[in-house]
């Protein structure tokens, strides 16, 4: 995915590798680096955008629960966020596609709770 291990100038990209002496020959106290993979650099902009949109959804939900924001306003803001989520390009990345889907589902849950509270006319 987005991380890889490097030790003794060997890239360890196979998840089934054993790190010990019986595996790829790492001794005790061998330094191992954890680096971002090239795929992370490609998806970084989308990851940051979706992370920020997740934070916005959390803030809207918090304000919805504390009744600082009307349900119609909540729903309008969620629609705007969904449009922003839709603008995030996945460039064929399954991880980014999955993250985008989870963000949309989170936004939809907040909108649904807001709509239900509006129909009942009660506090969340």
Foldseek 3Di string as FASTA:
>chain_A
DFKWKAFPNDTDPDPPADQDCVGPHDYPPTDMDIHTDPVCVVCVVLVVQLVVLLVVLVVLLVCLLVVVDALVVLLVVLVVSLVVLVPRDCVPPPVSVVSSVVSNVSSVVSNVVSVVCVVVVHHD
